Amino acid sequence: MPKIKCSYSIPVLVLKEGNCFVAYSPAIDVSTVGDTFEEAKARFTEAANLFFEEIIEKGKVNEALIELGWQTKNDQLVPPSIISHQAETFSFNNFLQ
């Protein structure tokens, strides 16, 4: 199969969970973990590339991305935008019985 060159820009969140860093993108629903911020980013890049390689090989690019909320604009697929990223406070009453 011939190589396809493409570039994409997607939002990636990096969270610190304990001693680990988690990189996650809701645009492709892929996450990965690393011991450092840099390792999490590098592993995410690898995982994202594998995700795109797989949907290209299966011929399911449009189907997979549209299912994830991507839209077609000017004949290109565009990922959903994150319009807000903030901490929210929630309270639970009678959560445990």
C-alpha atoms as a PDB file:
ATOM      1  CA  MET A   1       0.000   0.000   0.000  1.00  0.00           C
ATOM      2  CA  PRO A   2       1.409   3.445  -0.887  1.00  0.00           C
ATOM      3  CA  LYS A   3       2.317   5.779   1.940  1.00  0.00           C
ATOM      4  CA  ILE A   4      -0.103   8.624   2.587  1.00  0.00           C
ATOM      5  CA  LYS A   5       1.288  11.826   4.036  1.00  0.00           C
ATOM      6  CA  CYS A   6      -1.095  13.863   6.121  1.00  0.00           C
ATOM      7  CA  SER A   7      -0.911  16.323   8.941  1.00  0.00           C
ATOM      8  CA  TYR A   8      -3.479  17.062  11.585  1.00  0.00           C
ATOM      9  CA  SER A   9      -3.922  19.273  14.602  1.00  0.00           C
ATOM     10  CA  ILE A  10      -5.952  17.905  17.501  1.00  0.00           C
ATOM     11  CA  PRO A  11      -6.422  18.982  21.103  1.00  0.00           C
ATOM     12  CA  VAL A  12      -4.396  16.908  23.571  1.00  0.00           C
ATOM     13  CA  LEU A  13      -4.884  17.146  27.327  1.00  0.00           C
ATOM     14  CA  VAL A  14      -2.089  16.086  29.665  1.00  0.00           C
ATOM     15  CA  LEU A  15      -3.123  15.257  33.225  1.00  0.00           C
ATOM     16  CA  LYS A  16      -0.977  14.374  36.218  1.00  0.00           C
ATOM     17  CA  GLU A  17      -2.316  11.324  38.030  1.00  0.00           C
ATOM     18  CA  GLY A  18      -0.177  10.427  41.015  1.00  0.00           C
ATOM     19  CA  ASN A  19       3.350   9.931  39.698  1.00  0.00           C
ATOM     20  CA  CYS A  20       2.227   9.462  36.088  1.00  0.00           C
ATOM     21  CA  PHE A  21       1.212  11.725  33.238  1.00  0.00           C
ATOM     22  CA  VAL A  22      -1.778  10.859  31.049  1.00  0.00           C
ATOM     23  CA  ALA A  23      -2.123  12.317  27.554  1.00  0.00           C
ATOM     24  CA  TYR A  24      -5.637  12.169  26.084  1.00  0.00           C
ATOM     25  CA  SER A  25      -7.379  13.545  23.030  1.00  0.00           C
ATOM     26  CA  PRO A  26     -11.170  13.528  22.860  1.00  0.00           C
ATOM     27  CA  ALA A  27     -10.858  14.162  19.106  1.00  0.00           C
ATOM     28  CA  ILE A  28      -9.695  10.579  18.534  1.00  0.00           C
ATOM     29  CA  ASP A  29     -10.547   9.076  21.944  1.00  0.00           C
ATOM     30  CA  VAL A  30      -6.964   7.914  22.456  1.00  0.00           C
ATOM     31  CA  SER A  31      -4.974   8.112  25.674  1.00  0.00           C
ATOM     32  CA  THR A  32      -1.599   6.981  26.886  1.00  0.00           C
ATOM     33  CA  VAL A  33       0.524   7.260  30.010  1.00  0.00           C
ATOM     34  CA  GLY A  34       4.143   8.054  30.779  1.00  0.00           C
ATOM     35  CA  ASP A  35       6.396   8.518  33.777  1.00  0.00           C
ATOM     36  CA  THR A  36       7.212  12.055  32.588  1.00  0.00           C
ATOM     37  CA  PHE A  37       5.352  14.758  30.671  1.00  0.00           C
ATOM     38  CA  GLU A  38       7.680  14.263  27.695  1.00  0.00           C
ATOM     39  CA  GLU A  39       7.233  10.486  27.733  1.00  0.00           C
ATOM     40  CA  ALA A  40       3.433  10.820  27.811  1.00  0.00           C
ATOM     41  CA  LYS A  41       3.558  13.227  24.847  1.00  0.00           C
ATOM     42  CA  ALA A  42       5.904  10.956  22.877  1.00  0.00           C
ATOM     43  CA  ARG A  43       3.761   7.897  23.555  1.00  0.00           C
ATOM     44  CA  PHE A  44       0.646   9.839  22.601  1.00  0.00           C
ATOM     45  CA  THR A  45       2.218  10.815  19.273  1.00  0.00           C
ATOM     46  CA  GLU A  46       2.957   7.147  18.589  1.00  0.00           C
ATOM     47  CA  ALA A  47      -0.560   6.053  19.610  1.00  0.00           C
ATOM     48  CA  ALA A  48      -2.201   8.786  17.506  1.00  0.00           C
ATOM     49  CA  ASN A  49      -0.125   7.819  14.470  1.00  0.00           C
ATOM     50  CA  LEU A  50      -1.118   4.169  14.950  1.00  0.00           C
ATOM     51  CA  PHE A  51      -4.785   5.196  15.216  1.00  0.00           C
ATOM     52  CA  PHE A  52      -4.618   7.081  11.910  1.00  0.00           C
ATOM     53  CA  GLU A  53      -2.595   4.330  10.190  1.00  0.00           C
ATOM     54  CA  GLU A  54      -5.207   1.763  11.211  1.00  0.00           C
ATOM     55  CA  ILE A  55      -8.254   3.707  10.011  1.00  0.00           C
ATOM     56  CA  ILE A  56      -6.454   4.517   6.743  1.00  0.00           C
ATOM     57  CA  GLU A  57      -5.515   0.844   6.184  1.00  0.00           C
ATOM     58  CA  LYS A  58      -9.098  -0.237   6.883  1.00  0.00           C
ATOM     59  CA  GLY A  59     -10.507   2.451   4.584  1.00  0.00           C
ATOM     60  CA  LYS A  60     -12.597   3.823   7.459  1.00  0.00           C
ATOM     61  CA  VAL A  61     -11.189   7.344   7.857  1.00  0.00           C
ATOM     62  CA  ASN A  62     -14.413   9.264   7.237  1.00  0.00           C
ATOM     63  CA  GLU A  63     -16.580   6.783   9.130  1.00  0.00           C
ATOM     64  CA  ALA A  64     -14.320   6.664  12.208  1.00  0.00           C
ATOM     65  CA  LEU A  65     -13.717  10.400  12.449  1.00  0.00           C
ATOM     66  CA  ILE A  66     -17.331  11.416  11.843  1.00  0.00           C
ATOM     67  CA  GLU A  67     -18.356   8.969  14.588  1.00  0.00           C
ATOM     68  CA  LEU A  68     -15.934  10.853  16.867  1.00  0.00           C
ATOM     69  CA  GLY A  69     -17.601  14.183  16.087  1.00  0.00           C
ATOM     70  CA  TRP A  70     -15.407  15.437  13.254  1.00  0.00           C
ATOM     71  CA  GLN A  71     -17.119  17.535  10.577  1.00  0.00           C
ATOM     72  CA  THR A  72     -16.429  18.164   6.918  1.00  0.00           C
ATOM     73  CA  LYS A  73     -15.505  21.778   6.153  1.00  0.00           C
ATOM     74  CA  ASN A  74     -14.117  22.863   2.773  1.00  0.00           C
ATOM     75  CA  ASP A  75     -13.640  19.198   1.793  1.00  0.00           C
ATOM     76  CA  GLN A  76     -11.526  18.526   4.897  1.00  0.00           C
ATOM     77  CA  LEU A  77     -12.321  16.692   8.105  1.00  0.00           C
ATOM     78  CA  VAL A  78     -12.057  18.999  11.118  1.00  0.00           C
ATOM     79  CA  PRO A  79     -11.949  17.728  14.728  1.00  0.00           C
ATOM     80  CA  PRO A  80     -14.363  19.049  17.330  1.00  0.00           C
ATOM     81  CA  SER A  81     -13.076  22.088  19.204  1.00  0.00           C
ATOM     82  CA  ILE A  82     -12.673  22.287  22.947  1.00  0.00           C
ATOM     83  CA  ILE A  83     -14.529  25.463  23.845  1.00  0.00           C
ATOM     84  CA  SER A  84     -14.075  25.328  27.601  1.00  0.00           C
ATOM     85  CA  HIS A  85     -11.562  23.783  29.945  1.00  0.00           C
ATOM     86  CA  GLN A  86     -12.034  24.640  33.584  1.00  0.00           C
ATOM     87  CA  ALA A  87     -12.396  22.999  36.958  1.00  0.00           C
ATOM     88  CA  GLU A  88     -15.961  22.513  38.163  1.00  0.00           C
ATOM     89  CA  THR A  89     -17.069  21.823  41.738  1.00  0.00           C
ATOM     90  CA  PHE A  90     -19.731  19.199  42.349  1.00  0.00           C
ATOM     91  CA  SER A  91     -21.473  18.085  45.533  1.00  0.00           C
ATOM     92  CA  PHE A  92     -23.094  14.758  46.281  1.00  0.00           C
ATOM     93  CA  ASN A  93     -25.780  14.300  48.903  1.00  0.00           C
ATOM     94  CA  ASN A  94     -26.602  10.835  50.190  1.00  0.00           C
ATOM     95  CA  PHE A  95     -24.127   9.314  47.743  1.00  0.00           C
ATOM     96  CA  LEU A  96     -23.310   6.375  50.023  1.00  0.00           C
ATOM     97  CA  GLN A  97     -26.100   4.580  51.775  1.00  0.00           C
END
